[in-house]
PDB file of N, CA and C in Angstrom:
ATOM      1  N   MET A   1       0.834  -1.182   0.000  1.00  0.00           N
ATOM      2  CA  MET A   1       0.000   0.000   0.000  1.00  0.00           C
ATOM      3  C   MET A   1       0.878   1.244   0.000  1.00  0.00           C
ATOM      4  N   LYS A   2       0.380   2.287  -0.630  1.00  0.00           N
ATOM      5  CA  LYS A   2       1.122   3.540  -0.671  1.00  0.00           C
ATOM      6  C   LYS A   2       1.067   4.230   0.689  1.00  0.00           C
ATOM      7  N   LYS A   3       2.128   4.892   1.041  1.00  0.00           N
ATOM      8  CA  LYS A   3       2.199   5.640   2.287  1.00  0.00           C
ATOM      9  C   LYS A   3       1.337   6.908   2.176  1.00  0.00           C
ATOM     10  N   ASN A   4       0.739   7.319   3.290  1.00  0.00           N
ATOM     11  CA  ASN A   4      -0.024   8.570   3.418  1.00  0.00           C
ATOM     12  C   ASN A   4      -1.236   8.661   2.499  1.00  0.00           C
ATOM     13  N   VAL A   5      -1.767   7.517   2.058  1.00  0.00           N
ATOM     14  CA  VAL A   5      -2.961   7.534   1.222  1.00  0.00           C
ATOM     15  C   VAL A   5      -4.162   7.017   2.013  1.00  0.00           C
ATOM     16  N   HIS A   6      -3.965   5.943   2.766  1.00  0.00           N
ATOM     17  CA  HIS A   6      -5.051   5.302   3.489  1.00  0.00           C
ATOM     18  C   HIS A   6      -5.117   5.803   4.927  1.00  0.00           C
ATOM     19  N   PRO A   7      -6.319   5.925   5.484  1.00  0.00           N
ATOM     20  CA  PRO A   7      -6.441   6.361   6.887  1.00  0.00           C
ATOM     21  C   PRO A   7      -5.954   5.255   7.832  1.00  0.00           C
ATOM     22  N   ASP A   8      -5.618   5.654   9.049  1.00  0.00           N
ATOM     23  CA  ASP A   8      -5.167   4.719  10.065  1.00  0.00           C
ATOM     24  C   ASP A   8      -6.315   3.805  10.464  1.00  0.00           C
ATOM     25  N   TYR A   9      -6.112   2.505  10.357  1.00  0.00           N
ATOM     26  CA  TYR A   9      -7.117   1.488  10.670  1.00  0.00           C
ATOM     27  C   TYR A   9      -6.645   0.762  11.917  1.00  0.00           C
ATOM     28  N   HIS A  10      -7.339   0.949  13.024  1.00  0.00           N
ATOM     29  CA  HIS A  10      -6.852   0.458  14.305  1.00  0.00           C
ATOM     30  C   HIS A  10      -8.000  -0.133  15.134  1.00  0.00           C
ATOM     31  N   PRO A  11      -7.684  -0.896  16.190  1.00  0.00           N
ATOM     32  CA  PRO A  11      -8.751  -1.448  17.033  1.00  0.00           C
ATOM     33  C   PRO A  11      -9.432  -0.375  17.873  1.00  0.00           C
ATOM     34  N   VAL A  12     -10.746  -0.459  17.977  1.00  0.00           N
ATOM     35  CA  VAL A  12     -11.550   0.443  18.810  1.00  0.00           C
ATOM     36  C   VAL A  12     -12.651  -0.369  19.480  1.00  0.00           C
ATOM     37  N   VAL A  13     -13.216   0.175  20.550  1.00  0.00           N
ATOM     38  CA  VAL A  13     -14.332  -0.457  21.251  1.00  0.00           C
ATOM     39  C   VAL A  13     -15.573   0.391  21.003  1.00  0.00           C
ATOM     40  N   PHE A  14     -16.637  -0.263  20.530  1.00  0.00           N
ATOM     41  CA  PHE A  14     -17.925   0.395  20.359  1.00  0.00           C
ATOM     42  C   PHE A  14     -18.808   0.012  21.534  1.00  0.00           C
ATOM     43  N   GLU A  15     -19.548   1.000  22.071  1.00  0.00           N
ATOM     44  CA  GLU A  15     -20.471   0.759  23.182  1.00  0.00           C
ATOM     45  C   GLU A  15     -21.862   1.197  22.780  1.00  0.00           C
ATOM     46  N   ASP A  16     -22.832   0.336  23.036  1.00  0.00           N
ATOM     47  CA  ASP A  16     -24.232   0.650  22.768  1.00  0.00           C
ATOM     48  C   ASP A  16     -24.735   1.554  23.893  1.00  0.00           C
ATOM     49  N   ALA A  17     -25.243   2.734  23.542  1.00  0.00           N
ATOM     50  CA  ALA A  17     -25.712   3.692  24.546  1.00  0.00           C
ATOM     51  C   ALA A  17     -26.945   3.190  25.285  1.00  0.00           C
ATOM     52  N   ASN A  18     -27.755   2.325  24.650  1.00  0.00           N
ATOM     53  CA  ASN A  18     -28.976   1.828  25.272  1.00  0.00           C
ATOM     54  C   ASN A  18     -28.739   0.662  26.220  1.00  0.00           C
ATOM     55  N   THR A  19     -27.895  -0.284  25.811  1.00  0.00           N
ATOM     56  CA  THR A  19     -27.715  -1.495  26.613  1.00  0.00           C
ATOM     57  C   THR A  19     -26.407  -1.518  27.387  1.00  0.00           C
ATOM     58  N   GLY A  20     -25.440  -0.717  26.969  1.00  0.00           N
ATOM     59  CA  GLY A  20     -24.142  -0.711  27.640  1.00  0.00           C
ATOM     60  C   GLY A  20     -23.212  -1.818  27.174  1.00  0.00           C
ATOM     61  N   SER A  21     -23.662  -2.644  26.236  1.00  0.00           N
ATOM     62  CA  SER A  21     -22.805  -3.726  25.749  1.00  0.00           C
ATOM     63  C   SER A  21     -21.685  -3.138  24.890  1.00  0.00           C
ATOM     64  N   GLN A  22     -20.537  -3.796  24.924  1.00  0.00           N
ATOM     65  CA  GLN A  22     -19.363  -3.322  24.201  1.00  0.00           C
ATOM     66  C   GLN A  22     -18.808  -4.439  23.331  1.00  0.00           C
ATOM     67  N   PHE A  23     -18.181  -4.049  22.211  1.00  0.00           N
ATOM     68  CA  PHE A  23     -17.482  -5.026  21.389  1.00  0.00           C
ATOM     69  C   PHE A  23     -16.260  -4.374  20.770  1.00  0.00           C
ATOM     70  N   LEU A  24     -15.241  -5.182  20.585  1.00  0.00           N
ATOM     71  CA  LEU A  24     -13.965  -4.733  20.039  1.00  0.00           C
ATOM     72  C   LEU A  24     -13.916  -5.063  18.561  1.00  0.00           C
ATOM     73  N   THR A  25     -13.587  -4.074  17.751  1.00  0.00           N
ATOM     74  CA  THR A  25     -13.462  -4.264  16.312  1.00  0.00           C
ATOM     75  C   THR A  25     -12.422  -3.286  15.800  1.00  0.00           C
ATOM     76  N   ARG A  26     -12.299  -3.152  14.502  1.00  0.00           N
ATOM     77  CA  ARG A  26     -11.337  -2.219  13.922  1.00  0.00           C
ATOM     78  C   ARG A  26     -12.090  -1.134  13.162  1.00  0.00           C
ATOM     79  N   SER A  27     -11.539   0.078  13.177  1.00  0.00           N
ATOM     80  CA  SER A  27     -12.195   1.200  12.524  1.00  0.00           C
ATOM     81  C   SER A  27     -11.178   2.296  12.247  1.00  0.00           C
ATOM     82  N   THR A  28     -11.552   3.233  11.400  1.00  0.00           N
ATOM     83  CA  THR A  28     -10.725   4.412  11.164  1.00  0.00           C
ATOM     84  C   THR A  28     -11.106   5.537  12.111  1.00  0.00           C
ATOM     85  N   ARG A  29     -12.227   5.403  12.808  1.00  0.00           N
ATOM     86  CA  ARG A  29     -12.674   6.417  13.772  1.00  0.00           C
ATOM     87  C   ARG A  29     -11.808   6.370  15.021  1.00  0.00           C
ATOM     88  N   THR A  30     -11.721   7.478  15.708  1.00  0.00           N
ATOM     89  CA  THR A  30     -10.986   7.531  16.958  1.00  0.00           C
ATOM     90  C   THR A  30     -11.741   8.404  17.942  1.00  0.00           C
ATOM     91  N   SER A  31     -11.314   8.391  19.194  1.00  0.00           N
ATOM     92  CA  SER A  31     -12.007   9.132  20.228  1.00  0.00           C
ATOM     93  C   SER A  31     -11.026   9.499  21.328  1.00  0.00           C
ATOM     94  N   GLU A  32     -11.344  10.559  22.043  1.00  0.00           N
ATOM     95  CA  GLU A  32     -10.533  10.950  23.198  1.00  0.00           C
ATOM     96  C   GLU A  32     -10.810  10.029  24.387  1.00  0.00           C
ATOM     97  N   ARG A  33     -12.039   9.485  24.441  1.00  0.00           N
ATOM     98  CA  ARG A  33     -12.402   8.568  25.522  1.00  0.00           C
ATOM     99  C   ARG A  33     -11.746   7.220  25.279  1.00  0.00           C
ATOM    100  N   THR A  34     -11.284   6.588  26.343  1.00  0.00           N
ATOM    101  CA  THR A  34     -10.665   5.270  26.222  1.00  0.00           C
ATOM    102  C   THR A  34     -11.294   4.322  27.235  1.00  0.00           C
ATOM    103  N   VAL A  35     -11.087   3.026  27.001  1.00  0.00           N
ATOM    104  CA  VAL A  35     -11.599   2.001  27.888  1.00  0.00           C
ATOM    105  C   VAL A  35     -10.556   0.887  27.965  1.00  0.00           C
ATOM    106  N   SER A  36     -10.435   0.298  29.144  1.00  0.00           N
ATOM    107  CA  SER A  36      -9.544  -0.835  29.322  1.00  0.00           C
ATOM    108  C   SER A  36     -10.300  -2.104  28.970  1.00  0.00           C
ATOM    109  N   TRP A  37      -9.755  -2.906  28.072  1.00  0.00           N
ATOM    110  CA  TRP A  37     -10.418  -4.109  27.590  1.00  0.00           C
ATOM    111  C   TRP A  37      -9.930  -5.325  28.373  1.00  0.00           C
ATOM    112  N   ALA A  38     -10.568  -6.463  28.214  1.00  0.00           N
ATOM    113  CA  ALA A  38     -10.245  -7.687  28.963  1.00  0.00           C
ATOM    114  C   ALA A  38      -8.827  -8.185  28.700  1.00  0.00           C
ATOM    115  N   ASP A  39      -8.247  -7.834  27.548  1.00  0.00           N
ATOM    116  CA  ASP A  39      -6.891  -8.286  27.240  1.00  0.00           C
ATOM    117  C   ASP A  39      -5.821  -7.414  27.902  1.00  0.00           C
ATOM    118  N   GLY A  40      -6.254  -6.399  28.652  1.00  0.00           N
ATOM    119  CA  GLY A  40      -5.325  -5.540  29.368  1.00  0.00           C
ATOM    120  C   GLY A  40      -4.898  -4.303  28.605  1.00  0.00           C
ATOM    121  N   ASN A  41      -5.281  -4.194  27.360  1.00  0.00           N
ATOM    122  CA  ASN A  41      -4.939  -3.030  26.542  1.00  0.00           C
ATOM    123  C   ASN A  41      -6.005  -1.954  26.680  1.00  0.00           C
ATOM    124  N   THR A  42      -5.621  -0.720  26.359  1.00  0.00           N
ATOM    125  CA  THR A  42      -6.546   0.405  26.377  1.00  0.00           C
ATOM    126  C   THR A  42      -6.851   0.797  24.933  1.00  0.00           C
ATOM    127  N   TYR A  43      -8.151   0.943  24.625  1.00  0.00           N
ATOM    128  CA  TYR A  43      -8.592   1.253  23.273  1.00  0.00           C
ATOM    129  C   TYR A  43      -9.477   2.488  23.293  1.00  0.00           C
ATOM    130  N   PRO A  44      -9.573   3.199  22.161  1.00  0.00           N
ATOM    131  CA  PRO A  44     -10.529   4.309  22.062  1.00  0.00           C
ATOM    132  C   PRO A  44     -11.957   3.781  22.184  1.00  0.00           C
ATOM    133  N   LEU A  45     -12.821   4.540  22.854  1.00  0.00           N
ATOM    134  CA  LEU A  45     -14.208   4.144  23.070  1.00  0.00           C
ATOM    135  C   LEU A  45     -15.127   5.037  22.246  1.00  0.00           C
ATOM    136  N   LEU A  46     -15.952   4.405  21.411  1.00  0.00           N
ATOM    137  CA  LEU A  46     -16.948   5.114  20.612  1.00  0.00           C
ATOM    138  C   LEU A  46     -18.336   4.671  21.059  1.00  0.00           C
ATOM    139  N   VAL A  47     -19.157   5.617  21.509  1.00  0.00           N
ATOM    140  CA  VAL A  47     -20.521   5.318  21.961  1.00  0.00           C
ATOM    141  C   VAL A  47     -21.467   5.571  20.796  1.00  0.00           C
ATOM    142  N   VAL A  48     -22.263   4.552  20.465  1.00  0.00           N
ATOM    143  CA  VAL A  48     -23.226   4.645  19.363  1.00  0.00           C
ATOM    144  C   VAL A  48     -24.633   4.436  19.902  1.00  0.00           C
ATOM    145  N   ASP A  49     -25.629   4.935  19.175  1.00  0.00           N
ATOM    146  CA  ASP A  49     -27.022   4.856  19.620  1.00  0.00           C
ATOM    147  C   ASP A  49     -27.609   3.454  19.478  1.00  0.00           C
ATOM    148  N   VAL A  50     -27.317   2.771  18.371  1.00  0.00           N
ATOM    149  CA  VAL A  50     -27.949   1.487  18.094  1.00  0.00           C
ATOM    150  C   VAL A  50     -26.905   0.487  17.618  1.00  0.00           C
ATOM    151  N   THR A  51     -26.968  -0.718  18.165  1.00  0.00           N
ATOM    152  CA  THR A  51     -26.187  -1.854  17.673  1.00  0.00           C
ATOM    153  C   THR A  51     -27.144  -3.035  17.544  1.00  0.00           C
ATOM    154  N   SER A  52     -26.627  -4.190  17.199  1.00  0.00           N
ATOM    155  CA  SER A  52     -27.492  -5.369  17.094  1.00  0.00           C
ATOM    156  C   SER A  52     -28.052  -5.776  18.449  1.00  0.00           C
ATOM    157  N   GLU A  53     -27.464  -5.302  19.540  1.00  0.00           N
ATOM    158  CA  GLU A  53     -27.971  -5.597  20.881  1.00  0.00           C
ATOM    159  C   GLU A  53     -29.269  -4.855  21.188  1.00  0.00           C
ATOM    160  N   SER A  54     -29.481  -3.691  20.556  1.00  0.00           N
ATOM    161  CA  SER A  54     -30.667  -2.897  20.891  1.00  0.00           C
ATOM    162  C   SER A  54     -31.574  -2.617  19.697  1.00  0.00           C
ATOM    163  N   HIS A  55     -31.197  -2.999  18.490  1.00  0.00           N
ATOM    164  CA  HIS A  55     -32.028  -2.731  17.324  1.00  0.00           C
ATOM    165  C   HIS A  55     -33.237  -3.668  17.327  1.00  0.00           C
ATOM    166  N   PRO A  56     -34.453  -3.136  17.156  1.00  0.00           N
ATOM    167  CA  PRO A  56     -35.662  -3.963  17.231  1.00  0.00           C
ATOM    168  C   PRO A  56     -35.667  -5.142  16.262  1.00  0.00           C
ATOM    169  N   PHE A  57     -35.076  -4.985  15.087  1.00  0.00           N
ATOM    170  CA  PHE A  57     -35.080  -6.085  14.122  1.00  0.00           C
ATOM    171  C   PHE A  57     -34.276  -7.264  14.650  1.00  0.00           C
ATOM    172  N   TRP A  58     -33.138  -7.003  15.247  1.00  0.00           N
ATOM    173  CA  TRP A  58     -32.256  -8.082  15.708  1.00  0.00           C
ATOM    174  C   TRP A  58     -32.676  -8.629  17.070  1.00  0.00           C
ATOM    175  N   THR A  59     -33.375  -7.859  17.874  1.00  0.00           N
ATOM    176  CA  THR A  59     -33.789  -8.335  19.190  1.00  0.00           C
ATOM    177  C   THR A  59     -35.130  -9.053  19.141  1.00  0.00           C
ATOM    178  N   GLY A  60     -35.840  -8.955  18.016  1.00  0.00           N
ATOM    179  CA  GLY A  60     -37.139  -9.606  17.889  1.00  0.00           C
ATOM    180  C   GLY A  60     -38.271  -8.806  18.500  1.00  0.00           C
ATOM    181  N   LYS A  61     -38.038  -7.564  18.833  1.00  0.00           N
ATOM    182  CA  LYS A  61     -39.062  -6.723  19.445  1.00  0.00           C
ATOM    183  C   LYS A  61     -39.591  -5.692  18.452  1.00  0.00           C
ATOM    184  N   THR A  62     -39.761  -6.112  17.204  1.00  0.00           N
ATOM    185  CA  THR A  62     -40.260  -5.186  16.197  1.00  0.00           C
ATOM    186  C   THR A  62     -41.717  -4.858  16.475  1.00  0.00           C
ATOM    187  N   ARG A  63     -42.086  -3.656  16.143  1.00  0.00           N
ATOM    188  CA  ARG A  63     -43.456  -3.196  16.336  1.00  0.00           C
ATOM    189  C   ARG A  63     -44.107  -2.996  14.982  1.00  0.00           C
ATOM    190  N   VAL A  64     -45.367  -3.313  14.896  1.00  0.00           N
ATOM    191  CA  VAL A  64     -46.120  -3.078  13.674  1.00  0.00           C
ATOM    192  C   VAL A  64     -46.674  -1.668  13.766  1.00  0.00           C
ATOM    193  N   MET A  65     -46.203  -0.819  12.886  1.00  0.00           N
ATOM    194  CA  MET A  65     -46.614   0.576  12.939  1.00  0.00           C
ATOM    195  C   MET A  65     -47.944   0.811  12.211  1.00  0.00           C
ATOM    196  N   ASP A  66     -48.173   0.100  11.108  1.00  0.00           N
ATOM    197  CA  ASP A  66     -49.362   0.316  10.305  1.00  0.00           C
ATOM    198  C   ASP A  66     -50.127  -0.997  10.229  1.00  0.00           C
ATOM    199  N   THR A  67     -51.219  -1.119  10.983  1.00  0.00           N
ATOM    200  CA  THR A  67     -51.950  -2.376  11.016  1.00  0.00           C
ATOM    201  C   THR A  67     -52.923  -2.520   9.864  1.00  0.00           C
ATOM    202  N   GLU A  68     -53.374  -1.426   9.301  1.00  0.00           N
ATOM    203  CA  GLU A  68     -54.247  -1.520   8.144  1.00  0.00           C
ATOM    204  C   GLU A  68     -53.447  -1.161   6.903  1.00  0.00           C
ATOM    205  N   GLY A  69     -53.853  -1.703   5.776  1.00  0.00           N
ATOM    206  CA  GLY A  69     -53.130  -1.478   4.539  1.00  0.00           C
ATOM    207  C   GLY A  69     -53.167  -0.034   4.095  1.00  0.00           C
ATOM    208  N   ARG A  70     -52.197   0.335   3.306  1.00  0.00           N
ATOM    209  CA  ARG A  70     -52.114   1.729   2.847  1.00  0.00           C
ATOM    210  C   ARG A  70     -53.243   2.098   1.899  1.00  0.00           C
ATOM    211  N   VAL A  71     -53.648   1.140   1.064  1.00  0.00           N
ATOM    212  CA  VAL A  71     -54.731   1.426   0.123  1.00  0.00           C
ATOM    213  C   VAL A  71     -56.032   1.658   0.880  1.00  0.00           C
ATOM    214  N   GLU A  72     -56.325   0.793   1.865  1.00  0.00           N
ATOM    215  CA  GLU A  72     -57.546   0.954   2.645  1.00  0.00           C
ATOM    216  C   GLU A  72     -57.525   2.265   3.420  1.00  0.00           C
ATOM    217  N   LYS A  73     -56.384   2.619   3.938  1.00  0.00           N
ATOM    218  CA  LYS A  73     -56.266   3.873   4.679  1.00  0.00           C
ATOM    219  C   LYS A  73     -56.503   5.072   3.756  1.00  0.00           C
ATOM    220  N   PHE A  74     -55.972   5.006   2.548  1.00  0.00           N
ATOM    221  CA  PHE A  74     -56.180   6.074   1.579  1.00  0.00           C
ATOM    222  C   PHE A  74     -57.661   6.180   1.216  1.00  0.00           C
ATOM    223  N   ASN A  75     -58.294   5.027   0.942  1.00  0.00           N
ATOM    224  CA  ASN A  75     -59.714   5.035   0.578  1.00  0.00           C
ATOM    225  C   ASN A  75     -60.580   5.554   1.713  1.00  0.00           C
ATOM    226  N   ARG A  76     -60.248   5.210   2.944  1.00  0.00           N
ATOM    227  CA  ARG A  76     -61.024   5.684   4.084  1.00  0.00           C
ATOM    228  C   ARG A  76     -60.866   7.204   4.239  1.00  0.00           C
ATOM    229  N   ARG A  77     -59.676   7.695   4.030  1.00  0.00           N
ATOM    230  CA  ARG A  77     -59.415   9.116   4.220  1.00  0.00           C
ATOM    231  C   ARG A  77     -60.031   9.957   3.097  1.00  0.00           C
ATOM    232  N   TYR A  78     -59.853   9.541   1.851  1.00  0.00           N
ATOM    233  CA  TYR A  78     -60.279  10.362   0.731  1.00  0.00           C
ATOM    234  C   TYR A  78     -61.517   9.821   0.035  1.00  0.00           C
ATOM    235  N   GLY A  79     -61.921   8.591   0.348  1.00  0.00           N
ATOM    236  CA  GLY A  79     -63.120   8.019  -0.254  1.00  0.00           C
ATOM    237  C   GLY A  79     -62.905   7.710  -1.723  1.00  0.00           C
ATOM    238  N   ARG A  80     -63.866   7.025  -2.267  1.00  0.00           N
ATOM    239  CA  ARG A  80     -63.804   6.715  -3.687  1.00  0.00           C
ATOM    240  C   ARG A  80     -64.558   7.794  -4.445  1.00  0.00           C
ATOM    241  N   THR A  81     -63.927   8.308  -5.485  1.00  0.00           N
ATOM    242  CA  THR A  81     -64.554   9.379  -6.271  1.00  0.00           C
ATOM    243  C   THR A  81     -65.382   8.808  -7.410  1.00  0.00           C
ATOM    244  N   GLY A  82     -65.232   7.532  -7.737  1.00  0.00           N
ATOM    245  CA  GLY A  82     -65.968   6.938  -8.833  1.00  0.00           C
ATOM    246  C   GLY A  82     -65.293   7.192 -10.166  1.00  0.00           C
ATOM    247  N   VAL A  83     -64.269   7.984 -10.221  1.00  0.00           N
ATOM    248  CA  VAL A  83     -63.555   8.284 -11.462  1.00  0.00           C
ATOM    249  C   VAL A  83     -62.489   7.215 -11.651  1.00  0.00           C
ATOM    250  N   ARG A  84     -62.422   6.686 -12.826  1.00  0.00           N
ATOM    251  CA  ARG A  84     -61.407   5.662 -13.108  1.00  0.00           C
ATOM    252  C   ARG A  84     -60.501   6.118 -14.181  1.00  0.00           C
TER     253      ARG A  84
END
């Protein structure tokens, strides 16, 4: 690889703001906050809003937002005009 072309790719810890769960991975992002990991090393800590630990799709807690179909909802709101 060419020097000074690619960003620094290093290990970081991501923390889910909702659940507090953490995982170690690699990223180009960095942070002033650090955390001591189980291996004894200190890594930059990045706090994110959603991970697979708290996302409704991955946790199985998805909510149905629209229980009636969109066409029926449109027809109820605007009615049928009889024009085709």
